[in-house]
């Protein structure tokens, strides 16, 4: 049986390695609102700080969030064991929300 290369967008389990570009899916719950979220994360290493682009997973939509996209960016602080994490994002929600 030959080994099948991992396809990160088809839902198969993949081994991720620090410093190697990858694409993953994640499901989580925003606890305050009990809102189920499914996202796609695209990780990209960079010498000045790694970053991960996220978008909503179009295969798992909900009635509240219309769109969400953004970037997680990590930046070395110069202190051993510490990393600064930045989040830049845009979120559009349903007009039915107050």
PDB file of N, CA and C in Angstrom:
ATOM      1  N   UNK A   1       0.854  -1.184   0.000  1.00  0.00           N
ATOM      2  CA  UNK A   1       0.000   0.000   0.000  1.00  0.00           C
ATOM      3  C   UNK A   1       0.896   1.241   0.000  1.00  0.00           C
ATOM      4  N   UNK A   2       0.677   2.143  -0.941  1.00  0.00           N
ATOM      5  CA  UNK A   2       1.508   3.344  -1.019  1.00  0.00           C
ATOM      6  C   UNK A   2       0.980   4.418  -0.074  1.00  0.00           C
ATOM      7  N   UNK A   3       1.885   5.245   0.373  1.00  0.00           N
ATOM      8  CA  UNK A   3       1.510   6.335   1.274  1.00  0.00           C
ATOM      9  C   UNK A   3       0.892   7.464   0.467  1.00  0.00           C
ATOM     10  N   UNK A   4      -0.265   7.947   0.904  1.00  0.00           N
ATOM     11  CA  UNK A   4      -0.956   9.033   0.226  1.00  0.00           C
ATOM     12  C   UNK A   4      -0.498  10.348   0.839  1.00  0.00           C
ATOM     13  N   UNK A   5      -0.014  11.297   0.024  1.00  0.00           N
ATOM     14  CA  UNK A   5       0.401  12.585   0.595  1.00  0.00           C
ATOM     15  C   UNK A   5      -0.786  13.288   1.242  1.00  0.00           C
ATOM     16  N   UNK A   6      -0.569  13.952   2.386  1.00  0.00           N
ATOM     17  CA  UNK A   6      -1.690  14.626   3.044  1.00  0.00           C
ATOM     18  C   UNK A   6      -2.242  15.778   2.207  1.00  0.00           C
ATOM     19  N   UNK A   7      -3.538  15.838   2.127  1.00  0.00           N
ATOM     20  CA  UNK A   7      -4.209  16.944   1.451  1.00  0.00           C
ATOM     21  C   UNK A   7      -4.910  17.722   2.551  1.00  0.00           C
ATOM     22  N   UNK A   8      -4.374  18.880   2.909  1.00  0.00           N
ATOM     23  CA  UNK A   8      -4.836  19.598   4.082  1.00  0.00           C
ATOM     24  C   UNK A   8      -6.241  20.169   3.951  1.00  0.00           C
ATOM     25  N   UNK A   9      -6.795  20.230   2.752  1.00  0.00           N
ATOM     26  CA  UNK A   9      -8.137  20.801   2.606  1.00  0.00           C
ATOM     27  C   UNK A   9      -9.238  19.758   2.528  1.00  0.00           C
ATOM     28  N   UNK A  10      -8.913  18.468   2.552  1.00  0.00           N
ATOM     29  CA  UNK A  10      -9.957  17.469   2.388  1.00  0.00           C
ATOM     30  C   UNK A  10     -10.409  16.847   3.700  1.00  0.00           C
ATOM     31  N   UNK A  11      -9.956  17.355   4.829  1.00  0.00           N
ATOM     32  CA  UNK A  11     -10.430  16.873   6.113  1.00  0.00           C
ATOM     33  C   UNK A  11      -9.640  15.709   6.680  1.00  0.00           C
ATOM     34  N   UNK A  12      -8.625  15.221   5.986  1.00  0.00           N
ATOM     35  CA  UNK A  12      -7.814  14.134   6.515  1.00  0.00           C
ATOM     36  C   UNK A  12      -6.901  14.663   7.609  1.00  0.00           C
ATOM     37  N   UNK A  13      -6.530  13.775   8.519  1.00  0.00           N
ATOM     38  CA  UNK A  13      -5.596  14.141   9.574  1.00  0.00           C
ATOM     39  C   UNK A  13      -4.223  14.366   8.967  1.00  0.00           C
ATOM     40  N   UNK A  14      -3.569  15.430   9.359  1.00  0.00           N
ATOM     41  CA  UNK A  14      -2.244  15.742   8.827  1.00  0.00           C
ATOM     42  C   UNK A  14      -1.310  16.077   9.975  1.00  0.00           C
ATOM     43  N   UNK A  15      -0.058  15.739   9.826  1.00  0.00           N
ATOM     44  CA  UNK A  15       0.942  16.127  10.804  1.00  0.00           C
ATOM     45  C   UNK A  15       1.495  17.487  10.412  1.00  0.00           C
ATOM     46  N   UNK A  16       1.391  18.440  11.309  1.00  0.00           N
ATOM     47  CA  UNK A  16       1.868  19.793  11.041  1.00  0.00           C
ATOM     48  C   UNK A  16       3.219  19.978  11.690  1.00  0.00           C
ATOM     49  N   UNK A  17       4.083  20.711  11.030  1.00  0.00           N
ATOM     50  CA  UNK A  17       5.416  20.944  11.564  1.00  0.00           C
ATOM     51  C   UNK A  17       5.701  22.439  11.571  1.00  0.00           C
ATOM     52  N   UNK A  18       6.263  22.890  12.676  1.00  0.00           N
ATOM     53  CA  UNK A  18       6.620  24.290  12.837  1.00  0.00           C
ATOM     54  C   UNK A  18       7.548  24.715  11.704  1.00  0.00           C
ATOM     55  N   UNK A  19       7.237  25.847  11.090  1.00  0.00           N
ATOM     56  CA  UNK A  19       8.080  26.376  10.037  1.00  0.00           C
ATOM     57  C   UNK A  19       7.742  25.903   8.640  1.00  0.00           C
ATOM     58  N   UNK A  20       6.797  24.973   8.501  1.00  0.00           N
ATOM     59  CA  UNK A  20       6.374  24.493   7.184  1.00  0.00           C
ATOM     60  C   UNK A  20       4.973  25.014   6.869  1.00  0.00           C
ATOM     61  N   UNK A  21       4.762  25.616   5.702  1.00  0.00           N
ATOM     62  CA  UNK A  21       3.426  26.104   5.346  1.00  0.00           C
ATOM     63  C   UNK A  21       2.402  24.977   5.412  1.00  0.00           C
ATOM     64  N   UNK A  22       1.188  25.301   5.844  1.00  0.00           N
ATOM     65  CA  UNK A  22       0.127  24.295   5.936  1.00  0.00           C
ATOM     66  C   UNK A  22      -1.243  24.960   5.896  1.00  0.00           C
ATOM     67  N   UNK A  23      -2.242  24.154   5.633  1.00  0.00           N
ATOM     68  CA  UNK A  23      -3.634  24.596   5.657  1.00  0.00           C
ATOM     69  C   UNK A  23      -4.399  23.622   6.541  1.00  0.00           C
ATOM     70  N   UNK A  24      -5.167  24.162   7.495  1.00  0.00           N
ATOM     71  CA  UNK A  24      -5.942  23.319   8.397  1.00  0.00           C
ATOM     72  C   UNK A  24      -7.360  23.864   8.535  1.00  0.00           C
ATOM     73  N   UNK A  25      -8.233  23.011   9.022  1.00  0.00           N
ATOM     74  CA  UNK A  25      -9.603  23.409   9.364  1.00  0.00           C
ATOM     75  C   UNK A  25      -9.752  23.289  10.872  1.00  0.00           C
ATOM     76  N   UNK A  26     -10.570  24.147  11.438  1.00  0.00           N
ATOM     77  CA  UNK A  26     -10.812  24.086  12.885  1.00  0.00           C
ATOM     78  C   UNK A  26     -12.273  24.412  13.158  1.00  0.00           C
ATOM     79  N   UNK A  27     -12.821  23.744  14.155  1.00  0.00           N
ATOM     80  CA  UNK A  27     -14.172  24.061  14.631  1.00  0.00           C
ATOM     81  C   UNK A  27     -14.041  24.429  16.092  1.00  0.00           C
ATOM     82  N   UNK A  28     -14.737  25.489  16.484  1.00  0.00           N
ATOM     83  CA  UNK A  28     -14.709  25.903  17.871  1.00  0.00           C
ATOM     84  C   UNK A  28     -16.005  26.620  18.202  1.00  0.00           C
ATOM     85  N   UNK A  29     -16.217  26.873  19.489  1.00  0.00           N
ATOM     86  CA  UNK A  29     -17.423  27.530  19.977  1.00  0.00           C
ATOM     87  C   UNK A  29     -17.029  28.832  20.643  1.00  0.00           C
ATOM     88  N   UNK A  30     -17.661  29.935  20.219  1.00  0.00           N
ATOM     89  CA  UNK A  30     -17.493  31.197  20.933  1.00  0.00           C
ATOM     90  C   UNK A  30     -18.331  31.078  22.194  1.00  0.00           C
ATOM     91  N   UNK A  31     -17.665  30.937  23.324  1.00  0.00           N
ATOM     92  CA  UNK A  31     -18.340  30.549  24.560  1.00  0.00           C
ATOM     93  C   UNK A  31     -19.418  31.521  25.008  1.00  0.00           C
ATOM     94  N   UNK A  32     -19.186  32.812  24.890  1.00  0.00           N
ATOM     95  CA  UNK A  32     -20.166  33.782  25.372  1.00  0.00           C
ATOM     96  C   UNK A  32     -21.492  33.653  24.623  1.00  0.00           C
ATOM     97  N   UNK A  33     -21.419  33.352  23.331  1.00  0.00           N
ATOM     98  CA  UNK A  33     -22.622  33.288  22.505  1.00  0.00           C
ATOM     99  C   UNK A  33     -23.017  31.865  22.117  1.00  0.00           C
ATOM    100  N   UNK A  34     -22.188  30.883  22.485  1.00  0.00           N
ATOM    101  CA  UNK A  34     -22.408  29.479  22.118  1.00  0.00           C
ATOM    102  C   UNK A  34     -22.605  29.327  20.607  1.00  0.00           C
ATOM    103  N   UNK A  35     -21.797  30.056  19.879  1.00  0.00           N
ATOM    104  CA  UNK A  35     -21.876  30.073  18.424  1.00  0.00           C
ATOM    105  C   UNK A  35     -20.813  29.141  17.847  1.00  0.00           C
ATOM    106  N   UNK A  36     -21.244  28.153  17.065  1.00  0.00           N
ATOM    107  CA  UNK A  36     -20.316  27.229  16.426  1.00  0.00           C
ATOM    108  C   UNK A  36     -19.666  27.899  15.226  1.00  0.00           C
ATOM    109  N   UNK A  37     -18.346  27.855  15.190  1.00  0.00           N
ATOM    110  CA  UNK A  37     -17.571  28.480  14.121  1.00  0.00           C
ATOM    111  C   UNK A  37     -16.708  27.412  13.460  1.00  0.00           C
ATOM    112  N   UNK A  38     -16.622  27.452  12.160  1.00  0.00           N
ATOM    113  CA  UNK A  38     -15.700  26.595  11.418  1.00  0.00           C
ATOM    114  C   UNK A  38     -14.821  27.516  10.584  1.00  0.00           C
ATOM    115  N   UNK A  39     -13.518  27.307  10.671  1.00  0.00           N
ATOM    116  CA  UNK A  39     -12.582  28.198   9.986  1.00  0.00           C
ATOM    117  C   UNK A  39     -11.519  27.400   9.237  1.00  0.00           C
ATOM    118  N   UNK A  40     -10.961  28.048   8.240  1.00  0.00           N
ATOM    119  CA  UNK A  40      -9.818  27.510   7.518  1.00  0.00           C
ATOM    120  C   UNK A  40      -8.631  28.403   7.858  1.00  0.00           C
ATOM    121  N   UNK A  41      -7.526  27.783   8.268  1.00  0.00           N
ATOM    122  CA  UNK A  41      -6.311  28.509   8.637  1.00  0.00           C
ATOM    123  C   UNK A  41      -5.199  28.172   7.654  1.00  0.00           C
ATOM    124  N   UNK A  42      -4.559  29.193   7.123  1.00  0.00           N
ATOM    125  CA  UNK A  42      -3.422  28.999   6.225  1.00  0.00           C
ATOM    126  C   UNK A  42      -2.188  29.571   6.910  1.00  0.00           C
ATOM    127  N   UNK A  43      -1.323  28.687   7.356  1.00  0.00           N
ATOM    128  CA  UNK A  43      -0.115  29.059   8.093  1.00  0.00           C
ATOM    129  C   UNK A  43       1.037  29.291   7.135  1.00  0.00           C
ATOM    130  N   UNK A  44       1.744  30.403   7.334  1.00  0.00           N
ATOM    131  CA  UNK A  44       2.892  30.742   6.501  1.00  0.00           C
ATOM    132  C   UNK A  44       4.038  31.220   7.388  1.00  0.00           C
ATOM    133  N   UNK A  45       5.175  30.543   7.325  1.00  0.00           N
ATOM    134  CA  UNK A  45       6.338  31.011   8.090  1.00  0.00           C
ATOM    135  C   UNK A  45       6.970  32.224   7.419  1.00  0.00           C
ATOM    136  N   UNK A  46       7.590  33.070   8.228  1.00  0.00           N
ATOM    137  CA  UNK A  46       8.265  34.260   7.711  1.00  0.00           C
ATOM    138  C   UNK A  46       9.398  34.609   8.671  1.00  0.00           C
ATOM    139  N   UNK A  47      10.540  35.026   8.160  1.00  0.00           N
ATOM    140  CA  UNK A  47      11.685  35.330   9.038  1.00  0.00           C
ATOM    141  C   UNK A  47      11.403  36.400  10.098  1.00  0.00           C
ATOM    142  N   UNK A  48      10.496  37.333   9.820  1.00  0.00           N
ATOM    143  CA  UNK A  48      10.211  38.407  10.785  1.00  0.00           C
ATOM    144  C   UNK A  48       9.004  38.093  11.662  1.00  0.00           C
ATOM    145  N   UNK A  49       8.444  36.904  11.528  1.00  0.00           N
ATOM    146  CA  UNK A  49       7.284  36.499  12.321  1.00  0.00           C
ATOM    147  C   UNK A  49       6.334  35.674  11.491  1.00  0.00           C
ATOM    148  N   UNK A  50       5.911  34.561  12.029  1.00  0.00           N
ATOM    149  CA  UNK A  50       4.999  33.675  11.317  1.00  0.00           C
ATOM    150  C   UNK A  50       3.602  34.285  11.308  1.00  0.00           C
ATOM    151  N   UNK A  51       2.788  33.888  10.338  1.00  0.00           N
ATOM    152  CA  UNK A  51       1.417  34.379  10.317  1.00  0.00           C
ATOM    153  C   UNK A  51       0.474  33.299   9.812  1.00  0.00           C
ATOM    154  N   UNK A  52      -0.809  33.463  10.169  1.00  0.00           N
ATOM    155  CA  UNK A  52      -1.833  32.509   9.775  1.00  0.00           C
ATOM    156  C   UNK A  52      -3.057  33.301   9.328  1.00  0.00           C
ATOM    157  N   UNK A  53      -3.458  33.097   8.082  1.00  0.00           N
ATOM    158  CA  UNK A  53      -4.647  33.745   7.531  1.00  0.00           C
ATOM    159  C   UNK A  53      -5.837  32.842   7.825  1.00  0.00           C
ATOM    160  N   UNK A  54      -6.938  33.417   8.318  1.00  0.00           N
ATOM    161  CA  UNK A  54      -8.132  32.606   8.553  1.00  0.00           C
ATOM    162  C   UNK A  54      -9.329  33.184   7.820  1.00  0.00           C
ATOM    163  N   UNK A  55     -10.213  32.294   7.414  1.00  0.00           N
ATOM    164  CA  UNK A  55     -11.492  32.649   6.798  1.00  0.00           C
ATOM    165  C   UNK A  55     -12.543  31.680   7.327  1.00  0.00           C
ATOM    166  N   UNK A  56     -13.803  32.043   7.201  1.00  0.00           N
ATOM    167  CA  UNK A  56     -14.857  31.099   7.546  1.00  0.00           C
ATOM    168  C   UNK A  56     -14.847  29.960   6.539  1.00  0.00           C
ATOM    169  N   UNK A  57     -15.136  28.776   7.019  1.00  0.00           N
ATOM    170  CA  UNK A  57     -15.203  27.605   6.150  1.00  0.00           C
ATOM    171  C   UNK A  57     -16.549  27.642   5.426  1.00  0.00           C
ATOM    172  N   UNK A  58     -16.558  27.803   4.095  1.00  0.00           N
ATOM    173  CA  UNK A  58     -17.834  27.890   3.372  1.00  0.00           C
ATOM    174  C   UNK A  58     -18.654  26.602   3.443  1.00  0.00           C
ATOM    175  N   UNK A  59     -18.033  25.497   3.810  1.00  0.00           N
ATOM    176  CA  UNK A  59     -18.760  24.230   3.934  1.00  0.00           C
ATOM    177  C   UNK A  59     -19.552  24.147   5.237  1.00  0.00           C
ATOM    178  N   UNK A  60     -19.295  25.051   6.182  1.00  0.00           N
ATOM    179  CA  UNK A  60     -19.963  25.036   7.489  1.00  0.00           C
ATOM    180  C   UNK A  60     -20.394  26.447   7.865  1.00  0.00           C
ATOM    181  N   UNK A  61     -21.398  26.954   7.214  1.00  0.00           N
ATOM    182  CA  UNK A  61     -21.858  28.317   7.479  1.00  0.00           C
ATOM    183  C   UNK A  61     -22.892  28.334   8.604  1.00  0.00           C
ATOM    184  N   UNK A  62     -23.177  29.516   9.122  1.00  0.00           N
ATOM    185  CA  UNK A  62     -24.245  29.678  10.108  1.00  0.00           C
ATOM    186  C   UNK A  62     -25.007  30.959   9.791  1.00  0.00           C
ATOM    187  N   UNK A  63     -26.124  31.179  10.489  1.00  0.00           N
ATOM    188  CA  UNK A  63     -26.993  32.313  10.171  1.00  0.00           C
ATOM    189  C   UNK A  63     -26.504  33.631  10.778  1.00  0.00           C
ATOM    190  N   UNK A  64     -25.586  33.591  11.711  1.00  0.00           N
ATOM    191  CA  UNK A  64     -25.152  34.799  12.398  1.00  0.00           C
ATOM    192  C   UNK A  64     -23.981  35.475  11.691  1.00  0.00           C
ATOM    193  N   UNK A  65     -22.924  34.715  11.447  1.00  0.00           N
ATOM    194  CA  UNK A  65     -21.741  35.280  10.792  1.00  0.00           C
ATOM    195  C   UNK A  65     -21.883  35.206   9.281  1.00  0.00           C
ATOM    196  N   UNK A  66     -21.807  36.337   8.641  1.00  0.00           N
ATOM    197  CA  UNK A  66     -21.873  36.383   7.178  1.00  0.00           C
ATOM    198  C   UNK A  66     -20.483  36.225   6.574  1.00  0.00           C
ATOM    199  N   UNK A  67     -19.484  36.799   7.213  1.00  0.00           N
ATOM    200  CA  UNK A  67     -18.099  36.624   6.765  1.00  0.00           C
ATOM    201  C   UNK A  67     -17.160  36.983   7.902  1.00  0.00           C
ATOM    202  N   UNK A  68     -16.008  36.388   7.851  1.00  0.00           N
ATOM    203  CA  UNK A  68     -14.941  36.707   8.795  1.00  0.00           C
ATOM    204  C   UNK A  68     -13.634  36.333   8.122  1.00  0.00           C
ATOM    205  N   UNK A  69     -12.687  37.219   8.234  1.00  0.00           N
ATOM    206  CA  UNK A  69     -11.364  36.942   7.694  1.00  0.00           C
ATOM    207  C   UNK A  69     -10.363  37.764   8.470  1.00  0.00           C
ATOM    208  N   UNK A  70      -9.157  37.263   8.515  1.00  0.00           N
ATOM    209  CA  UNK A  70      -8.149  37.995   9.246  1.00  0.00           C
ATOM    210  C   UNK A  70      -6.817  37.287   9.259  1.00  0.00           C
ATOM    211  N   UNK A  71      -5.911  37.839  10.061  1.00  0.00           N
ATOM    212  CA  UNK A  71      -4.552  37.327  10.141  1.00  0.00           C
ATOM    213  C   UNK A  71      -4.115  37.266  11.603  1.00  0.00           C
ATOM    214  N   UNK A  72      -3.586  36.114  12.004  1.00  0.00           N
ATOM    215  CA  UNK A  72      -2.853  35.973  13.251  1.00  0.00           C
ATOM    216  C   UNK A  72      -1.384  36.119  12.871  1.00  0.00           C
ATOM    217  N   UNK A  73      -0.655  36.968  13.591  1.00  0.00           N
ATOM    218  CA  UNK A  73       0.761  37.190  13.299  1.00  0.00           C
ATOM    219  C   UNK A  73       1.545  37.050  14.594  1.00  0.00           C
ATOM    220  N   UNK A  74       2.607  36.263  14.574  1.00  0.00           N
ATOM    221  CA  UNK A  74       3.447  36.127  15.763  1.00  0.00           C
ATOM    222  C   UNK A  74       4.742  36.884  15.550  1.00  0.00           C
ATOM    223  N   UNK A  75       5.232  37.472  16.627  1.00  0.00           N
ATOM    224  CA  UNK A  75       6.427  38.291  16.557  1.00  0.00           C
ATOM    225  C   UNK A  75       7.322  37.976  17.756  1.00  0.00           C
ATOM    226  N   UNK A  76       8.583  37.647  17.510  1.00  0.00           N
ATOM    227  CA  UNK A  76       9.494  37.410  18.642  1.00  0.00           C
ATOM    228  C   UNK A  76       9.624  38.677  19.492  1.00  0.00           C
ATOM    229  N   UNK A  77       9.724  38.498  20.811  1.00  0.00           N
ATOM    230  CA  UNK A  77       9.844  39.650  21.704  1.00  0.00           C
ATOM    231  C   UNK A  77      11.274  39.906  22.135  1.00  0.00           C
ATOM    232  N   UNK A  78      12.137  38.950  21.897  1.00  0.00           N
ATOM    233  CA  UNK A  78      13.505  39.072  22.379  1.00  0.00           C
ATOM    234  C   UNK A  78      13.694  38.452  23.756  1.00  0.00           C
ATOM    235  N   UNK A  79      12.590  38.111  24.420  1.00  0.00           N
ATOM    236  CA  UNK A  79      12.641  37.436  25.723  1.00  0.00           C
ATOM    237  C   UNK A  79      12.432  35.942  25.496  1.00  0.00           C
ATOM    238  N   UNK A  80      13.288  35.140  26.073  1.00  0.00           N
ATOM    239  CA  UNK A  80      13.180  33.686  25.922  1.00  0.00           C
ATOM    240  C   UNK A  80      11.816  33.198  26.424  1.00  0.00           C
ATOM    241  N   UNK A  81      11.145  32.388  25.607  1.00  0.00           N
ATOM    242  CA  UNK A  81       9.860  31.813  26.010  1.00  0.00           C
ATOM    243  C   UNK A  81       8.662  32.714  25.804  1.00  0.00           C
ATOM    244  N   UNK A  82       8.841  33.910  25.221  1.00  0.00           N
ATOM    245  CA  UNK A  82       7.743  34.841  25.019  1.00  0.00           C
ATOM    246  C   UNK A  82       7.578  35.175  23.537  1.00  0.00           C
ATOM    247  N   UNK A  83       6.325  35.267  23.100  1.00  0.00           N
ATOM    248  CA  UNK A  83       5.995  35.646  21.727  1.00  0.00           C
ATOM    249  C   UNK A  83       4.823  36.614  21.773  1.00  0.00           C
ATOM    250  N   UNK A  84       4.882  37.672  20.996  1.00  0.00           N
ATOM    251  CA  UNK A  84       3.755  38.610  20.877  1.00  0.00           C
ATOM    252  C   UNK A  84       2.858  38.096  19.765  1.00  0.00           C
ATOM    253  N   UNK A  85       1.538  38.086  20.009  1.00  0.00           N
ATOM    254  CA  UNK A  85       0.571  37.617  19.012  1.00  0.00           C
ATOM    255  C   UNK A  85      -0.358  38.773  18.657  1.00  0.00           C
ATOM    256  N   UNK A  86      -0.476  39.053  17.368  1.00  0.00           N
ATOM    257  CA  UNK A  86      -1.346  40.111  16.854  1.00  0.00           C
ATOM    258  C   UNK A  86      -2.512  39.471  16.119  1.00  0.00           C
ATOM    259  N   UNK A  87      -3.681  40.076  16.222  1.00  0.00           N
ATOM    260  CA  UNK A  87      -4.854  39.634  15.472  1.00  0.00           C
ATOM    261  C   UNK A  87      -5.445  40.843  14.759  1.00  0.00           C
ATOM    262  N   UNK A  88      -5.547  40.748  13.447  1.00  0.00           N
ATOM    263  CA  UNK A  88      -6.220  41.762  12.629  1.00  0.00           C
ATOM    264  C   UNK A  88      -7.357  41.045  11.913  1.00  0.00           C
ATOM    265  N   UNK A  89      -8.586  41.552  12.057  1.00  0.00           N
ATOM    266  CA  UNK A  89      -9.691  40.827  11.420  1.00  0.00           C
ATOM    267  C   UNK A  89     -10.838  41.747  11.029  1.00  0.00           C
ATOM    268  N   UNK A  90     -11.670  41.211  10.161  1.00  0.00           N
ATOM    269  CA  UNK A  90     -12.903  41.860   9.740  1.00  0.00           C
ATOM    270  C   UNK A  90     -14.019  40.835   9.900  1.00  0.00           C
ATOM    271  N   UNK A  91     -15.112  41.248  10.552  1.00  0.00           N
ATOM    272  CA  UNK A  91     -16.240  40.358  10.790  1.00  0.00           C
ATOM    273  C   UNK A  91     -17.512  41.054  10.340  1.00  0.00           C
ATOM    274  N   UNK A  92     -18.337  40.336   9.586  1.00  0.00           N
ATOM    275  CA  UNK A  92     -19.657  40.851   9.182  1.00  0.00           C
ATOM    276  C   UNK A  92     -20.706  39.901   9.725  1.00  0.00           C
ATOM    277  N   UNK A  93     -21.704  40.484  10.427  1.00  0.00           N
ATOM    278  CA  UNK A  93     -22.747  39.656  11.044  1.00  0.00           C
ATOM    279  C   UNK A  93     -24.108  39.978  10.407  1.00  0.00           C
ATOM    280  N   UNK A  94     -25.069  39.138  10.727  1.00  0.00           N
ATOM    281  CA  UNK A  94     -26.420  39.299  10.228  1.00  0.00           C
ATOM    282  C   UNK A  94     -27.030  40.615  10.703  1.00  0.00           C
ATOM    283  N   UNK A  95     -27.841  41.242   9.875  1.00  0.00           N
ATOM    284  CA  UNK A  95     -28.521  42.485  10.260  1.00  0.00           C
ATOM    285  C   UNK A  95     -29.538  42.246  11.385  1.00  0.00           C
ATOM    286  N   UNK A  96     -29.925  40.986  11.603  1.00  0.00           N
ATOM    287  CA  UNK A  96     -30.910  40.665  12.631  1.00  0.00           C
ATOM    288  C   UNK A  96     -30.333  40.816  14.036  1.00  0.00           C
ATOM    289  N   UNK A  97     -29.030  40.905  14.163  1.00  0.00           N
ATOM    290  CA  UNK A  97     -28.418  41.051  15.488  1.00  0.00           C
ATOM    291  C   UNK A  97     -28.500  42.495  15.953  1.00  0.00           C
ATOM    292  N   UNK A  98     -28.686  42.699  17.266  1.00  0.00           N
ATOM    293  CA  UNK A  98     -28.723  44.060  17.792  1.00  0.00           C
ATOM    294  C   UNK A  98     -27.364  44.731  17.763  1.00  0.00           C
TER     295      UNK A  98
END
